[in-house]
PDB file of N, CA and C in Angstrom:
ATOM      1  N   UNK A   1     -60.511   2.562-122.475  1.00  0.00           N
ATOM      2  CA  UNK A   1     -59.686   2.235-121.077  1.00  0.00           C
ATOM      3  C   UNK A   1     -58.400   2.647-121.467  1.00  0.00           C
ATOM      4  N   UNK A   2     -57.803   2.569-122.210  1.00  0.00           N
ATOM      5  CA  UNK A   2     -56.112   2.498-122.586  1.00  0.00           C
ATOM      6  C   UNK A   2     -55.653   4.135-122.332  1.00  0.00           C
ATOM      7  N   UNK A   3     -57.063   4.768-123.083  1.00  0.00           N
ATOM      8  CA  UNK A   3     -56.571   6.250-123.435  1.00  0.00           C
ATOM      9  C   UNK A   3     -57.291   7.248-122.587  1.00  0.00           C
ATOM     10  N   UNK A   4     -58.296   6.767-121.630  1.00  0.00           N
ATOM     11  CA  UNK A   4     -58.967   7.032-120.320  1.00  0.00           C
ATOM     12  C   UNK A   4     -58.167   8.117-119.576  1.00  0.00           C
ATOM     13  N   UNK A   5     -58.643   8.581-119.499  1.00  0.00           N
ATOM     14  CA  UNK A   5     -57.729  10.084-118.334  1.00  0.00           C
ATOM     15  C   UNK A   5     -57.842   9.261-116.907  1.00  0.00           C
ATOM     16  N   UNK A   6     -56.471   9.159-116.321  1.00  0.00           N
ATOM     17  CA  UNK A   6     -56.267   8.326-115.112  1.00  0.00           C
ATOM     18  C   UNK A   6     -55.165   8.839-114.416  1.00  0.00           C
ATOM     19  N   UNK A   7     -54.817   8.772-113.091  1.00  0.00           N
ATOM     20  CA  UNK A   7     -53.562   8.958-112.405  1.00  0.00           C
ATOM     21  C   UNK A   7     -52.860   8.381-113.326  1.00  0.00           C
ATOM     22  N   UNK A   8     -51.739   8.903-113.298  1.00  0.00           N
ATOM     23  CA  UNK A   8     -50.251   8.583-113.730  1.00  0.00           C
ATOM     24  C   UNK A   8     -49.928   6.900-113.292  1.00  0.00           C
ATOM     25  N   UNK A   9     -50.065   7.199-112.528  1.00  0.00           N
ATOM     26  CA  UNK A   9     -49.566   5.665-111.254  1.00  0.00           C
ATOM     27  C   UNK A   9     -50.536   4.623-111.472  1.00  0.00           C
ATOM     28  N   UNK A  10     -51.816   5.014-111.746  1.00  0.00           N
ATOM     29  CA  UNK A  10     -52.556   3.831-112.571  1.00  0.00           C
ATOM     30  C   UNK A  10     -52.785   3.552-114.051  1.00  0.00           C
ATOM     31  N   UNK A  11     -52.020   4.453-114.459  1.00  0.00           N
ATOM     32  CA  UNK A  11     -51.624   4.448-115.747  1.00  0.00           C
ATOM     33  C   UNK A  11     -51.632   2.988-116.601  1.00  0.00           C
ATOM     34  N   UNK A  12     -50.323   2.442-116.057  1.00  0.00           N
ATOM     35  CA  UNK A  12     -50.052   1.424-116.282  1.00  0.00           C
ATOM     36  C   UNK A  12     -50.994   0.091-116.490  1.00  0.00           C
ATOM     37  N   UNK A  13     -51.592   0.163-115.095  1.00  0.00           N
ATOM     38  CA  UNK A  13     -52.528  -1.125-114.902  1.00  0.00           C
ATOM     39  C   UNK A  13     -53.576  -1.069-115.892  1.00  0.00           C
ATOM     40  N   UNK A  14     -53.923   0.132-116.290  1.00  0.00           N
ATOM     41  CA  UNK A  14     -55.249   0.395-117.193  1.00  0.00           C
ATOM     42  C   UNK A  14     -54.559   0.213-118.931  1.00  0.00           C
ATOM     43  N   UNK A  15     -53.543   0.322-118.770  1.00  0.00           N
ATOM     44  CA  UNK A  15     -52.623   0.327-120.265  1.00  0.00           C
ATOM     45  C   UNK A  15     -52.677  -1.654-120.149  1.00  0.00           C
ATOM     46  N   UNK A  16     -52.496  -2.096-119.025  1.00  0.00           N
ATOM     47  CA  UNK A  16     -52.174  -3.516-119.264  1.00  0.00           C
ATOM     48  C   UNK A  16     -53.684  -4.187-119.555  1.00  0.00           C
ATOM     49  N   UNK A  17     -54.825  -3.824-119.059  1.00  0.00           N
ATOM     50  CA  UNK A  17     -56.192  -4.447-119.007  1.00  0.00           C
ATOM     51  C   UNK A  17     -56.605  -4.129-120.384  1.00  0.00           C
ATOM     52  N   UNK A  18     -56.184  -3.061-120.744  1.00  0.00           N
ATOM     53  CA  UNK A  18     -56.757  -2.623-122.413  1.00  0.00           C
ATOM     54  C   UNK A  18     -56.151  -3.671-123.261  1.00  0.00           C
ATOM     55  N   UNK A  19     -54.619  -3.667-122.787  1.00  0.00           N
ATOM     56  CA  UNK A  19     -54.112  -4.405-123.792  1.00  0.00           C
ATOM     57  C   UNK A  19     -54.351  -6.162-123.900  1.00  0.00           C
ATOM     58  N   UNK A  20     -54.561  -6.658-122.590  1.00  0.00           N
ATOM     59  CA  UNK A  20     -55.402  -8.085-122.819  1.00  0.00           C
ATOM     60  C   UNK A  20     -56.828  -7.943-123.041  1.00  0.00           C
ATOM     61  N   UNK A  21     -57.560  -7.037-122.978  1.00  0.00           N
ATOM     62  CA  UNK A  21     -59.117  -6.876-124.115  1.00  0.00           C
ATOM     63  C   UNK A  21     -58.889  -7.049-125.349  1.00  0.00           C
ATOM     64  N   UNK A  22     -58.120  -6.443-126.045  1.00  0.00           N
ATOM     65  CA  UNK A  22     -57.628  -6.637-127.199  1.00  0.00           C
ATOM     66  C   UNK A  22     -57.443  -7.729-127.703  1.00  0.00           C
ATOM     67  N   UNK A  23     -55.874  -8.176-127.484  1.00  0.00           N
ATOM     68  CA  UNK A  23     -55.956  -9.376-127.152  1.00  0.00           C
ATOM     69  C   UNK A  23     -56.215 -10.909-127.281  1.00  0.00           C
ATOM     70  N   UNK A  24     -57.291 -10.947-126.228  1.00  0.00           N
ATOM     71  CA  UNK A  24     -57.679 -12.221-125.662  1.00  0.00           C
ATOM     72  C   UNK A  24     -59.187 -12.163-126.351  1.00  0.00           C
ATOM     73  N   UNK A  25     -60.266 -10.572-126.598  1.00  0.00           N
ATOM     74  CA  UNK A  25     -61.373 -10.821-127.081  1.00  0.00           C
ATOM     75  C   UNK A  25     -61.379  -9.878-128.141  1.00  0.00           C
ATOM     76  N   UNK A  26     -61.140  -8.622-128.435  1.00  0.00           N
ATOM     77  CA  UNK A  26     -61.351  -8.169-129.805  1.00  0.00           C
ATOM     78  C   UNK A  26     -60.650  -8.451-130.979  1.00  0.00           C
ATOM     79  N   UNK A  27     -59.117  -9.020-130.780  1.00  0.00           N
ATOM     80  CA  UNK A  27     -58.778  -9.159-131.924  1.00  0.00           C
ATOM     81  C   UNK A  27     -59.437 -10.552-132.715  1.00  0.00           C
ATOM     82  N   UNK A  28     -59.282 -11.730-131.622  1.00  0.00           N
ATOM     83  CA  UNK A  28     -60.063 -12.607-132.537  1.00  0.00           C
ATOM     84  C   UNK A  28     -61.299 -12.409-133.124  1.00  0.00           C
ATOM     85  N   UNK A  29     -62.082 -11.675-132.448  1.00  0.00           N
ATOM     86  CA  UNK A  29     -63.525 -11.479-132.712  1.00  0.00           C
ATOM     87  C   UNK A  29     -63.732 -10.981-134.336  1.00  0.00           C
ATOM     88  N   UNK A  30     -62.672  -9.692-134.340  1.00  0.00           N
ATOM     89  CA  UNK A  30     -62.478  -9.409-135.567  1.00  0.00           C
ATOM     90  C   UNK A  30     -61.856 -10.265-136.306  1.00  0.00           C
ATOM     91  N   UNK A  31     -60.810 -11.103-136.497  1.00  0.00           N
ATOM     92  CA  UNK A  31     -60.692 -11.796-137.328  1.00  0.00           C
ATOM     93  C   UNK A  31     -61.987 -13.163-137.655  1.00  0.00           C
ATOM     94  N   UNK A  32     -62.909 -13.704-136.881  1.00  0.00           N
ATOM     95  CA  UNK A  32     -63.755 -14.156-137.210  1.00  0.00           C
ATOM     96  C   UNK A  32     -64.702 -13.746-138.040  1.00  0.00           C
ATOM     97  N   UNK A  33     -64.902 -12.128-137.831  1.00  0.00           N
ATOM     98  CA  UNK A  33     -66.267 -11.471-138.222  1.00  0.00           C
ATOM     99  C   UNK A  33     -65.430 -11.249-139.773  1.00  0.00           C
ATOM    100  N   UNK A  34     -64.731 -10.831-139.995  1.00  0.00           N
ATOM    101  CA  UNK A  34     -64.034 -10.438-141.305  1.00  0.00           C
ATOM    102  C   UNK A  34     -63.862 -11.584-142.208  1.00  0.00           C
ATOM    103  N   UNK A  35     -63.606 -12.423-141.556  1.00  0.00           N
ATOM    104  CA  UNK A  35     -63.500 -13.672-142.231  1.00  0.00           C
ATOM    105  C   UNK A  35     -64.870 -14.213-142.607  1.00  0.00           C
ATOM    106  N   UNK A  36     -65.381 -14.296-141.970  1.00  0.00           N
ATOM    107  CA  UNK A  36     -66.918 -14.832-142.474  1.00  0.00           C
ATOM    108  C   UNK A  36     -67.491 -13.547-143.367  1.00  0.00           C
ATOM    109  N   UNK A  37     -67.289 -12.206-143.022  1.00  0.00           N
ATOM    110  CA  UNK A  37     -67.759 -11.714-144.487  1.00  0.00           C
ATOM    111  C   UNK A  37     -66.911 -11.936-145.738  1.00  0.00           C
ATOM    112  N   UNK A  38     -65.936 -11.916-145.719  1.00  0.00           N
ATOM    113  CA  UNK A  38     -64.726 -12.256-147.128  1.00  0.00           C
ATOM    114  C   UNK A  38     -65.269 -13.634-147.555  1.00  0.00           C
ATOM    115  N   UNK A  39     -65.681 -14.724-146.483  1.00  0.00           N
ATOM    116  CA  UNK A  39     -66.172 -15.983-147.535  1.00  0.00           C
ATOM    117  C   UNK A  39     -67.902 -15.833-147.606  1.00  0.00           C
ATOM    118  N   UNK A  40     -68.708 -14.829-147.244  1.00  0.00           N
ATOM    119  CA  UNK A  40     -70.426 -14.420-147.398  1.00  0.00           C
ATOM    120  C   UNK A  40     -70.305 -13.462-148.776  1.00  0.00           C
ATOM    121  N   UNK A  41     -69.063 -13.064-148.706  1.00  0.00           N
ATOM    122  CA  UNK A  41     -69.005 -12.343-150.353  1.00  0.00           C
ATOM    123  C   UNK A  41     -68.314 -12.860-151.414  1.00  0.00           C
ATOM    124  N   UNK A  42     -67.802 -14.215-151.182  1.00  0.00           N
ATOM    125  CA  UNK A  42     -67.406 -15.044-152.116  1.00  0.00           C
ATOM    126  C   UNK A  42     -68.293 -15.780-152.726  1.00  0.00           C
ATOM    127  N   UNK A  43     -69.083 -16.057-151.803  1.00  0.00           N
ATOM    128  CA  UNK A  43     -69.976 -16.696-152.023  1.00  0.00           C
ATOM    129  C   UNK A  43     -71.510 -16.535-151.950  1.00  0.00           C
ATOM    130  N   UNK A  44     -72.035 -15.448-152.352  1.00  0.00           N
ATOM    131  CA  UNK A  44     -72.938 -14.362-152.339  1.00  0.00           C
ATOM    132  C   UNK A  44     -73.775 -14.378-153.643  1.00  0.00           C
ATOM    133  N   UNK A  45     -73.056 -14.640-154.418  1.00  0.00           N
ATOM    134  CA  UNK A  45     -73.448 -14.880-156.270  1.00  0.00           C
ATOM    135  C   UNK A  45     -73.735 -13.210-156.709  1.00  0.00           C
ATOM    136  N   UNK A  46     -73.299 -12.420-155.915  1.00  0.00           N
ATOM    137  CA  UNK A  46     -72.788 -10.896-156.660  1.00  0.00           C
ATOM    138  C   UNK A  46     -71.866 -10.028-155.844  1.00  0.00           C
ATOM    139  N   UNK A  47     -72.106  -8.635-155.810  1.00  0.00           N
ATOM    140  CA  UNK A  47     -71.724  -8.126-155.406  1.00  0.00           C
ATOM    141  C   UNK A  47     -71.898  -7.320-153.835  1.00  0.00           C
ATOM    142  N   UNK A  48     -72.805  -8.221-153.714  1.00  0.00           N
ATOM    143  CA  UNK A  48     -73.164  -7.620-152.191  1.00  0.00           C
ATOM    144  C   UNK A  48     -73.200  -8.767-151.428  1.00  0.00           C
ATOM    145  N   UNK A  49     -73.861  -8.578-149.941  1.00  0.00           N
ATOM    146  CA  UNK A  49     -73.676  -9.817-149.187  1.00  0.00           C
ATOM    147  C   UNK A  49     -74.767 -10.804-149.253  1.00  0.00           C
ATOM    148  N   UNK A  50     -75.942  -9.884-149.828  1.00  0.00           N
ATOM    149  CA  UNK A  50     -76.670 -11.394-150.443  1.00  0.00           C
ATOM    150  C   UNK A  50     -77.470 -11.400-151.788  1.00  0.00           C
ATOM    151  N   UNK A  51     -76.516 -11.188-152.455  1.00  0.00           N
ATOM    152  CA  UNK A  51     -76.471 -11.277-153.948  1.00  0.00           C
ATOM    153  C   UNK A  51     -76.189 -10.269-154.906  1.00  0.00           C
ATOM    154  N   UNK A  52     -77.000  -9.871-155.879  1.00  0.00           N
ATOM    155  CA  UNK A  52     -76.499  -8.807-156.749  1.00  0.00           C
ATOM    156  C   UNK A  52     -77.093  -7.615-156.433  1.00  0.00           C
ATOM    157  N   UNK A  53     -77.632  -7.522-155.069  1.00  0.00           N
ATOM    158  CA  UNK A  53     -78.734  -6.445-155.242  1.00  0.00           C
ATOM    159  C   UNK A  53     -78.106  -5.799-154.069  1.00  0.00           C
ATOM    160  N   UNK A  54     -78.403  -4.319-153.744  1.00  0.00           N
ATOM    161  CA  UNK A  54     -78.063  -4.139-152.666  1.00  0.00           C
ATOM    162  C   UNK A  54     -78.694  -3.622-151.661  1.00  0.00           C
ATOM    163  N   UNK A  55     -79.029  -4.456-150.008  1.00  0.00           N
ATOM    164  CA  UNK A  55     -80.174  -4.706-149.236  1.00  0.00           C
ATOM    165  C   UNK A  55     -79.645  -3.618-147.796  1.00  0.00           C
ATOM    166  N   UNK A  56     -80.767  -3.798-146.925  1.00  0.00           N
ATOM    167  CA  UNK A  56     -80.642  -3.479-145.667  1.00  0.00           C
ATOM    168  C   UNK A  56     -79.285  -3.989-144.930  1.00  0.00           C
ATOM    169  N   UNK A  57     -78.786  -5.315-145.085  1.00  0.00           N
ATOM    170  CA  UNK A  57     -77.813  -5.865-144.964  1.00  0.00           C
ATOM    171  C   UNK A  57     -76.410  -5.199-144.725  1.00  0.00           C
ATOM    172  N   UNK A  58     -76.435  -4.584-146.469  1.00  0.00           N
ATOM    173  CA  UNK A  58     -75.288  -3.902-146.529  1.00  0.00           C
ATOM    174  C   UNK A  58     -75.500  -2.582-146.292  1.00  0.00           C
ATOM    175  N   UNK A  59     -76.590  -2.289-146.141  1.00  0.00           N
ATOM    176  CA  UNK A  59     -76.238  -0.735-145.210  1.00  0.00           C
ATOM    177  C   UNK A  59     -75.897  -0.521-144.373  1.00  0.00           C
ATOM    178  N   UNK A  60     -76.515  -1.291-143.319  1.00  0.00           N
ATOM    179  CA  UNK A  60     -76.297  -1.736-142.023  1.00  0.00           C
ATOM    180  C   UNK A  60     -74.829  -1.704-141.832  1.00  0.00           C
ATOM    181  N   UNK A  61     -73.727  -2.677-142.527  1.00  0.00           N
ATOM    182  CA  UNK A  61     -72.449  -2.570-142.049  1.00  0.00           C
ATOM    183  C   UNK A  61     -71.637  -1.799-143.163  1.00  0.00           C
ATOM    184  N   UNK A  62     -72.237  -0.785-143.929  1.00  0.00           N
ATOM    185  CA  UNK A  62     -72.035  -0.139-144.515  1.00  0.00           C
ATOM    186  C   UNK A  62     -70.807   0.960-143.913  1.00  0.00           C
ATOM    187  N   UNK A  63     -71.334   1.899-142.516  1.00  0.00           N
ATOM    188  CA  UNK A  63     -70.644   2.745-141.936  1.00  0.00           C
ATOM    189  C   UNK A  63     -69.472   1.987-141.228  1.00  0.00           C
ATOM    190  N   UNK A  64     -69.873   1.237-140.302  1.00  0.00           N
ATOM    191  CA  UNK A  64     -68.490   0.800-139.313  1.00  0.00           C
ATOM    192  C   UNK A  64     -67.447  -0.011-140.728  1.00  0.00           C
ATOM    193  N   UNK A  65     -67.704  -0.663-141.649  1.00  0.00           N
ATOM    194  CA  UNK A  65     -66.751  -1.477-142.359  1.00  0.00           C
ATOM    195  C   UNK A  65     -65.687   0.008-143.288  1.00  0.00           C
ATOM    196  N   UNK A  66     -66.604   1.198-143.685  1.00  0.00           N
ATOM    197  CA  UNK A  66     -65.869   2.118-144.611  1.00  0.00           C
ATOM    198  C   UNK A  66     -65.028   2.817-143.345  1.00  0.00           C
ATOM    199  N   UNK A  67     -65.740   2.955-141.973  1.00  0.00           N
ATOM    200  CA  UNK A  67     -64.681   3.872-141.418  1.00  0.00           C
ATOM    201  C   UNK A  67     -63.906   2.354-140.396  1.00  0.00           C
ATOM    202  N   UNK A  68     -63.507   1.290-140.421  1.00  0.00           N
ATOM    203  CA  UNK A  68     -62.977   0.735-140.393  1.00  0.00           C
ATOM    204  C   UNK A  68     -61.654  -0.153-141.074  1.00  0.00           C
ATOM    205  N   UNK A  69     -61.605   0.990-142.613  1.00  0.00           N
ATOM    206  CA  UNK A  69     -60.858   0.417-143.348  1.00  0.00           C
ATOM    207  C   UNK A  69     -59.431   1.274-143.071  1.00  0.00           C
ATOM    208  N   UNK A  70     -58.463  -0.024-143.257  1.00  0.00           N
ATOM    209  CA  UNK A  70     -56.891   0.324-142.769  1.00  0.00           C
ATOM    210  C   UNK A  70     -56.757   0.386-141.274  1.00  0.00           C
ATOM    211  N   UNK A  71     -57.754   0.391-140.485  1.00  0.00           N
ATOM    212  CA  UNK A  71     -57.395  -0.008-139.150  1.00  0.00           C
ATOM    213  C   UNK A  71     -57.980  -1.144-138.640  1.00  0.00           C
ATOM    214  N   UNK A  72     -58.962  -1.643-138.551  1.00  0.00           N
ATOM    215  CA  UNK A  72     -59.710  -2.937-138.375  1.00  0.00           C
ATOM    216  C   UNK A  72     -59.566  -3.754-139.333  1.00  0.00           C
ATOM    217  N   UNK A  73     -59.412  -3.719-140.681  1.00  0.00           N
ATOM    218  CA  UNK A  73     -59.038  -4.305-141.703  1.00  0.00           C
ATOM    219  C   UNK A  73     -58.098  -4.121-142.709  1.00  0.00           C
ATOM    220  N   UNK A  74     -57.126  -4.780-143.607  1.00  0.00           N
ATOM    221  CA  UNK A  74     -56.200  -4.080-144.540  1.00  0.00           C
ATOM    222  C   UNK A  74     -57.090  -4.879-146.049  1.00  0.00           C
ATOM    223  N   UNK A  75     -56.126  -4.179-146.858  1.00  0.00           N
ATOM    224  CA  UNK A  75     -56.690  -4.558-148.079  1.00  0.00           C
ATOM    225  C   UNK A  75     -55.968  -5.905-148.785  1.00  0.00           C
ATOM    226  N   UNK A  76     -55.004  -6.167-147.733  1.00  0.00           N
ATOM    227  CA  UNK A  76     -53.967  -7.870-147.812  1.00  0.00           C
ATOM    228  C   UNK A  76     -54.441  -8.848-147.437  1.00  0.00           C
ATOM    229  N   UNK A  77     -55.123  -8.291-146.071  1.00  0.00           N
ATOM    230  CA  UNK A  77     -55.780  -9.291-145.212  1.00  0.00           C
ATOM    231  C   UNK A  77     -57.065  -9.583-145.660  1.00  0.00           C
ATOM    232  N   UNK A  78     -57.860  -9.168-146.356  1.00  0.00           N
ATOM    233  CA  UNK A  78     -59.347  -9.233-146.490  1.00  0.00           C
ATOM    234  C   UNK A  78     -59.562  -8.296-147.928  1.00  0.00           C
ATOM    235  N   UNK A  79     -59.067  -8.663-148.886  1.00  0.00           N
ATOM    236  CA  UNK A  79     -59.596  -8.420-150.278  1.00  0.00           C
ATOM    237  C   UNK A  79     -60.569  -7.827-150.489  1.00  0.00           C
ATOM    238  N   UNK A  80     -61.550  -8.701-150.334  1.00  0.00           N
ATOM    239  CA  UNK A  80     -63.113  -9.000-150.723  1.00  0.00           C
ATOM    240  C   UNK A  80     -64.118  -7.906-149.853  1.00  0.00           C
ATOM    241  N   UNK A  81     -63.584  -7.740-148.308  1.00  0.00           N
ATOM    242  CA  UNK A  81     -64.077  -6.623-147.787  1.00  0.00           C
ATOM    243  C   UNK A  81     -63.787  -5.449-148.394  1.00  0.00           C
ATOM    244  N   UNK A  82     -62.423  -5.091-148.715  1.00  0.00           N
ATOM    245  CA  UNK A  82     -62.023  -4.121-149.131  1.00  0.00           C
ATOM    246  C   UNK A  82     -62.611  -3.770-150.479  1.00  0.00           C
ATOM    247  N   UNK A  83     -62.718  -4.386-151.581  1.00  0.00           N
ATOM    248  CA  UNK A  83     -63.304  -4.294-152.261  1.00  0.00           C
ATOM    249  C   UNK A  83     -64.986  -4.143-152.496  1.00  0.00           C
ATOM    250  N   UNK A  84     -65.466  -4.860-151.526  1.00  0.00           N
ATOM    251  CA  UNK A  84     -66.766  -4.793-151.172  1.00  0.00           C
ATOM    252  C   UNK A  84     -66.884  -2.951-150.300  1.00  0.00           C
ATOM    253  N   UNK A  85     -66.019  -2.387-149.519  1.00  0.00           N
ATOM    254  CA  UNK A  85     -66.236  -1.194-149.424  1.00  0.00           C
ATOM    255  C   UNK A  85     -66.312  -0.214-150.240  1.00  0.00           C
ATOM    256  N   UNK A  86     -65.272  -0.392-151.103  1.00  0.00           N
ATOM    257  CA  UNK A  86     -64.899   0.472-152.446  1.00  0.00           C
ATOM    258  C   UNK A  86     -66.317   0.425-152.987  1.00  0.00           C
ATOM    259  N   UNK A  87     -66.870  -0.250-153.319  1.00  0.00           N
ATOM    260  CA  UNK A  87     -67.997  -0.525-153.872  1.00  0.00           C
ATOM    261  C   UNK A  87     -69.426   0.204-152.960  1.00  0.00           C
ATOM    262  N   UNK A  88     -69.472  -0.003-151.636  1.00  0.00           N
ATOM    263  CA  UNK A  88     -70.295   0.687-151.303  1.00  0.00           C
ATOM    264  C   UNK A  88     -70.221   2.354-150.937  1.00  0.00           C
ATOM    265  N   UNK A  89     -68.966   2.791-151.308  1.00  0.00           N
ATOM    266  CA  UNK A  89     -68.745   4.047-150.793  1.00  0.00           C
ATOM    267  C   UNK A  89     -69.153   4.838-152.293  1.00  0.00           C
ATOM    268  N   UNK A  90     -69.457   4.200-153.879  1.00  0.00           N
ATOM    269  CA  UNK A  90     -69.543   4.380-154.688  1.00  0.00           C
ATOM    270  C   UNK A  90     -71.256   4.697-154.936  1.00  0.00           C
ATOM    271  N   UNK A  91     -71.849   4.009-154.183  1.00  0.00           N
ATOM    272  CA  UNK A  91     -72.930   3.983-154.374  1.00  0.00           C
ATOM    273  C   UNK A  91     -73.966   5.457-154.338  1.00  0.00           C
ATOM    274  N   UNK A  92     -74.634   5.505-155.072  1.00  0.00           N
ATOM    275  CA  UNK A  92     -75.348   7.031-155.083  1.00  0.00           C
ATOM    276  C   UNK A  92     -76.113   7.617-153.796  1.00  0.00           C
ATOM    277  N   UNK A  93     -76.405   6.877-153.526  1.00  0.00           N
ATOM    278  CA  UNK A  93     -77.015   6.906-151.735  1.00  0.00           C
ATOM    279  C   UNK A  93     -76.004   7.521-150.868  1.00  0.00           C
ATOM    280  N   UNK A  94     -74.880   6.960-150.933  1.00  0.00           N
ATOM    281  CA  UNK A  94     -73.879   6.779-150.108  1.00  0.00           C
ATOM    282  C   UNK A  94     -73.246   8.517-150.195  1.00  0.00           C
ATOM    283  N   UNK A  95     -72.584   8.472-151.526  1.00  0.00           N
ATOM    284  CA  UNK A  95     -72.041   9.656-152.096  1.00  0.00           C
ATOM    285  C   UNK A  95     -73.078  11.090-151.604  1.00  0.00           C
ATOM    286  N   UNK A  96     -74.388  10.515-151.913  1.00  0.00           N
ATOM    287  CA  UNK A  96     -75.511  11.903-151.536  1.00  0.00           C
ATOM    288  C   UNK A  96     -75.120  12.123-150.226  1.00  0.00           C
ATOM    289  N   UNK A  97     -75.317  11.247-149.311  1.00  0.00           N
ATOM    290  CA  UNK A  97     -75.388  11.478-148.115  1.00  0.00           C
ATOM    291  C   UNK A  97     -74.052  12.031-147.514  1.00  0.00           C
ATOM    292  N   UNK A  98     -72.468  11.760-148.304  1.00  0.00           N
ATOM    293  CA  UNK A  98     -71.702  12.165-147.724  1.00  0.00           C
ATOM    294  C   UNK A  98     -71.921  13.830-147.964  1.00  0.00           C
ATOM    295  N   UNK A  99     -72.213  14.095-149.703  1.00  0.00           N
ATOM    296  CA  UNK A  99     -71.955  15.198-150.074  1.00  0.00           C
ATOM    297  C   UNK A  99     -73.323  16.537-149.168  1.00  0.00           C
ATOM    298  N   UNK A 100     -74.612  15.706-148.443  1.00  0.00           N
ATOM    299  CA  UNK A 100     -75.149  16.613-147.846  1.00  0.00           C
ATOM    300  C   UNK A 100     -74.365  17.164-145.863  1.00  0.00           C
ATOM    301  N   UNK A 101     -73.547  15.923-145.382  1.00  0.00           N
ATOM    302  CA  UNK A 101     -72.735  16.152-144.268  1.00  0.00           C
ATOM    303  C   UNK A 101     -72.158  16.982-144.517  1.00  0.00           C
ATOM    304  N   UNK A 102     -71.558  16.749-145.652  1.00  0.00           N
ATOM    305  CA  UNK A 102     -70.233  18.006-145.476  1.00  0.00           C
ATOM    306  C   UNK A 102     -70.839  19.460-146.279  1.00  0.00           C
ATOM    307  N   UNK A 103     -71.910  19.440-146.847  1.00  0.00           N
ATOM    308  CA  UNK A 103     -72.525  21.047-146.754  1.00  0.00           C
ATOM    309  C   UNK A 103     -73.122  21.375-145.077  1.00  0.00           C
ATOM    310  N   UNK A 104     -73.948  20.514-144.292  1.00  0.00           N
ATOM    311  CA  UNK A 104     -73.943  20.745-142.986  1.00  0.00           C
ATOM    312  C   UNK A 104     -72.749  20.839-142.134  1.00  0.00           C
ATOM    313  N   UNK A 105     -71.572  20.390-142.021  1.00  0.00           N
ATOM    314  CA  UNK A 105     -70.241  20.306-141.178  1.00  0.00           C
ATOM    315  C   UNK A 105     -69.566  20.798-141.674  1.00  0.00           C
ATOM    316  N   UNK A 106     -69.369  20.823-143.034  1.00  0.00           N
ATOM    317  CA  UNK A 106     -68.402  20.895-143.797  1.00  0.00           C
ATOM    318  C   UNK A 106     -67.061  20.095-144.070  1.00  0.00           C
ATOM    319  N   UNK A 107     -67.010  18.937-143.401  1.00  0.00           N
ATOM    320  CA  UNK A 107     -66.535  18.084-143.571  1.00  0.00           C
ATOM    321  C   UNK A 107     -67.176  16.495-143.613  1.00  0.00           C
ATOM    322  N   UNK A 108     -66.173  15.586-143.748  1.00  0.00           N
ATOM    323  CA  UNK A 108     -66.677  14.099-143.847  1.00  0.00           C
ATOM    324  C   UNK A 108     -65.567  13.376-143.646  1.00  0.00           C
ATOM    325  N   UNK A 109     -65.558  12.800-142.030  1.00  0.00           N
ATOM    326  CA  UNK A 109     -64.758  11.627-142.133  1.00  0.00           C
ATOM    327  C   UNK A 109     -65.254  10.202-141.957  1.00  0.00           C
ATOM    328  N   UNK A 110     -65.138   9.007-141.918  1.00  0.00           N
ATOM    329  CA  UNK A 110     -65.883   8.144-141.655  1.00  0.00           C
ATOM    330  C   UNK A 110     -64.658   7.452-140.550  1.00  0.00           C
ATOM    331  N   UNK A 111     -65.278   7.747-139.145  1.00  0.00           N
ATOM    332  CA  UNK A 111     -64.225   7.377-138.501  1.00  0.00           C
ATOM    333  C   UNK A 111     -65.417   6.213-137.146  1.00  0.00           C
ATOM    334  N   UNK A 112     -64.835   5.649-136.358  1.00  0.00           N
ATOM    335  CA  UNK A 112     -65.039   5.204-135.136  1.00  0.00           C
ATOM    336  C   UNK A 112     -64.626   6.111-134.037  1.00  0.00           C
ATOM    337  N   UNK A 113     -63.726   6.925-134.038  1.00  0.00           N
ATOM    338  CA  UNK A 113     -63.428   7.349-133.062  1.00  0.00           C
ATOM    339  C   UNK A 113     -64.456   8.366-132.503  1.00  0.00           C
ATOM    340  N   UNK A 114     -64.144   8.818-130.882  1.00  0.00           N
ATOM    341  CA  UNK A 114     -65.135   9.836-130.614  1.00  0.00           C
ATOM    342  C   UNK A 114     -65.191  11.103-130.858  1.00  0.00           C
TER     343      UNK A 114
END
């Protein structure tokens, strides 16, 4: 809503609405979820969410977490989640998928932007 094309006289209204949504909903939920992931990784008994082995849960979370590195969360605030994404990026299957995307598209960038 903040970056949507709108008439210039409406832009301040949409910017305020977007800011309110971010501060009231998105940011508090991010803190809740990243804190949960951080604690889950500390107590899982391994390098992954459910223990020592890669599971479907890890695969499902891999793209949004990798794409959100640096913008949705930082290494300083969530070091366990950051290290987890580093491990996921080193998985052979992930590396192979990235290579295939580069082969087809010419480049790869994990991004949540449209």
